[in-house]
Protein backbone atom coordinates (compact mmCIF):
# COMPACT_ATOMS: atom_id res chain seq x y z
CA UNK A 1 -0.03 0.03 -0.05
CA UNK A 2 1.60 3.24 -1.12
CA UNK A 3 0.45 6.68 0.11
CA UNK A 4 0.53 10.05 -2.07
CA UNK A 5 3.87 11.34 -0.17
CA UNK A 6 5.90 7.97 -1.11
CA UNK A 7 8.49 8.50 -3.80
CA UNK A 8 9.09 5.22 -5.92
CA UNK A 9 12.61 4.82 -7.56
CA UNK A 10 14.04 2.35 -9.92
CA UNK A 11 17.57 1.70 -11.13
CA UNK A 12 17.82 3.32 -14.80
CA UNK A 13 17.83 1.30 -17.82
CA UNK A 14 21.09 2.84 -18.66
CA UNK A 15 22.69 1.36 -15.57
CA UNK A 16 21.46 -1.99 -16.07
CA UNK A 17 22.93 -2.23 -19.57
CA UNK A 18 26.11 -0.90 -18.05
CA UNK A 19 26.38 -3.53 -15.52
CA UNK A 20 25.93 -6.24 -18.01
CA UNK A 21 28.54 -4.98 -20.68
CA UNK A 22 31.12 -7.46 -19.44
CA UNK A 23 28.64 -10.28 -19.99
CA UNK A 24 27.68 -8.80 -23.44
CA UNK A 25 31.29 -8.44 -24.42
CA UNK A 26 31.82 -12.08 -23.68
CA UNK A 27 28.92 -13.30 -25.57
CA UNK A 28 30.44 -11.26 -28.48
CA UNK A 29 33.76 -12.95 -27.95
CA UNK A 30 32.52 -16.40 -28.18
CA UNK A 31 30.40 -15.36 -31.37
CA UNK A 32 33.52 -14.55 -32.81
CA UNK A 33 35.31 -17.62 -31.77
CA UNK A 34 32.28 -19.56 -33.10
CA UNK A 35 32.78 -18.04 -36.58
CA UNK A 36 36.61 -18.60 -36.72
CA UNK A 37 37.01 -21.54 -34.82
CA UNK A 38 34.20 -23.71 -34.35
CA UNK A 39 30.55 -23.64 -34.21
CA UNK A 40 30.16 -25.33 -30.77
CA UNK A 41 31.07 -21.68 -29.23
CA UNK A 42 27.78 -20.32 -30.18
CA UNK A 43 26.33 -22.22 -27.22
CA UNK A 44 28.61 -20.21 -24.83
CA UNK A 45 27.42 -17.11 -26.72
CA UNK A 46 23.98 -17.90 -26.36
CA UNK A 47 24.57 -18.73 -22.56
CA UNK A 48 26.21 -15.39 -21.69
CA UNK A 49 23.42 -13.42 -23.57
CA UNK A 50 20.89 -15.34 -21.60
CA UNK A 51 22.56 -14.29 -18.24
CA UNK A 52 23.10 -10.76 -19.43
CA UNK A 53 19.31 -10.42 -20.24
CA UNK A 54 18.50 -12.20 -16.95
CA UNK A 55 20.76 -9.56 -14.88
CA UNK A 56 19.24 -6.58 -16.90
CA UNK A 57 15.54 -8.10 -15.97
CA UNK A 58 16.94 -8.67 -12.49
CA UNK A 59 18.36 -5.11 -11.89
CA UNK A 60 15.31 -3.60 -13.78
CA UNK A 61 12.93 -5.33 -11.00
CA UNK A 62 14.62 -3.41 -8.21
CA UNK A 63 12.15 -0.97 -6.60
CA UNK A 64 12.86 1.50 -3.81
CA UNK A 65 10.13 3.27 -2.14
CA UNK A 66 10.70 5.96 0.27
CA UNK A 67 7.91 6.68 2.47
CA UNK A 68 7.22 8.98 5.25
CA UNK A 69 8.25 6.45 7.78
CA UNK A 70 10.03 3.81 6.09
CA UNK A 71 12.03 2.64 3.00
CA UNK A 72 11.13 -0.44 1.44
CA UNK A 73 13.53 -2.35 -1.18
CA UNK A 74 12.12 -5.04 -3.25
CA UNK A 75 13.67 -7.22 -5.74
CA UNK A 76 13.95 -10.39 -7.44
CA UNK A 77 12.07 -11.83 -10.50
CA UNK A 78 11.07 -15.64 -9.72
CA UNK A 79 11.67 -14.87 -5.78
CA UNK A 80 10.69 -11.61 -4.42
CA UNK A 81 12.46 -10.18 -1.29
CA UNK A 82 11.40 -6.99 0.26
CA UNK A 83 13.25 -5.44 3.19
CA UNK A 84 11.91 -2.42 4.97
CA UNK A 85 13.77 0.31 7.18
CA UNK A 86 12.15 2.52 9.42
CA UNK A 87 13.49 5.89 8.69
CA UNK A 88 14.44 7.02 12.14
CA UNK A 89 16.99 4.33 11.81
CA UNK A 90 19.06 5.88 9.31
CA UNK A 91 22.34 7.44 10.39
CA UNK A 92 24.40 8.61 7.36
CA UNK A 93 23.79 9.40 3.44
CA UNK A 94 26.57 8.80 1.02
CA UNK A 95 26.36 9.66 -2.68
CA UNK A 96 28.99 8.01 -5.02
CA UNK A 97 29.50 8.56 -9.03
CA UNK A 98 31.73 6.71 -10.85
CA UNK A 99 32.82 8.49 -14.32
CA UNK A 100 30.66 6.57 -16.19
CA UNK A 101 27.65 7.32 -13.70
CA UNK A 102 28.39 11.04 -14.10
CA UNK A 103 28.16 11.04 -17.86
CA UNK A 104 24.74 9.40 -17.83
CA UNK A 105 23.47 11.75 -14.55
CA UNK A 106 23.02 8.86 -12.38
CA UNK A 107 24.21 8.06 -8.87
CA UNK A 108 24.43 5.24 -6.13
CA UNK A 109 23.03 6.47 -2.83
CA UNK A 110 24.26 4.26 0.52
CA UNK A 111 22.36 4.80 3.71
CA UNK A 112 23.88 3.50 6.93
CA UNK A 113 21.65 2.50 9.54
CA UNK A 114 21.37 1.09 12.92
CA UNK A 115 19.08 -1.80 11.77
CA UNK A 116 20.58 -5.05 12.56
CA UNK A 117 19.02 -6.98 9.44
CA UNK A 118 20.06 -4.06 7.15
CA UNK A 119 22.97 -1.98 8.38
CA UNK A 120 23.77 -0.59 4.74
CA UNK A 121 21.03 0.30 2.38
CA UNK A 122 21.97 0.85 -1.33
CA UNK A 123 19.98 2.66 -4.12
CA UNK A 124 21.82 1.83 -7.11
CA UNK A 125 21.76 3.40 -10.39
CA UNK A 126 19.18 6.05 -9.67
CA UNK A 127 18.69 9.25 -11.65
CA UNK A 128 20.85 12.29 -10.19
CA UNK A 129 18.46 14.41 -7.76
CA UNK A 130 18.12 15.97 -4.45
CA UNK A 131 16.83 12.48 -3.06
CA UNK A 132 19.26 12.53 -0.05
CA UNK A 133 17.65 16.06 1.26
CA UNK A 134 14.09 14.40 1.19
CA UNK A 135 15.50 11.55 2.95
CA UNK A 136 17.38 13.68 5.43
CA UNK A 137 14.14 15.67 6.35
CA UNK A 138 11.84 12.40 6.55
CA UNK A 139 14.40 10.95 9.14
CA UNK A 140 14.40 14.12 11.24
CA UNK A 141 10.55 14.03 10.92
CA UNK A 142 10.65 10.38 11.91
CA UNK A 143 12.71 10.82 14.88
CA UNK A 144 10.43 13.79 16.21
CA UNK A 145 7.33 11.83 15.77
CA UNK A 146 9.01 8.72 17.38
CA UNK A 147 10.82 10.75 20.23
CA UNK A 148 14.30 9.44 19.19
CA UNK A 149 16.95 10.95 20.71
CA UNK A 150 20.38 10.29 19.08
CA UNK A 151 23.39 9.74 21.77
CA UNK A 152 26.99 9.74 20.14
């Protein structure tokens, strides 16, 4: 159940294809070997192409839902896993951008939390935005509502 204030994010299609480039390069290499040496290399080429498509689908099925009081991460194709972390547990925010991500205006966001099950939450391959400010505000609001006082 989503609310009107919830923010839904997904990894970009470009990010998914960047992540499968090594698999596609192997598939093309085996296709070239099949052309030069033996037709049996086509099997390896098809296998790596299948793995690449599965990886793209897997990455595209990630869904990050940022609500007022929680962050929910849903992933999986055949078997779904949904992790939920309360907002007041978030401690630190880190944005990382490799050179390739900078070119395509994407970013990886790492959230560190006090949750035992999910100490590190990664939002990978999302569009460049001010989502950190939104999360920070929601963390502060959740801490005020739940009367959480942070002691260092």
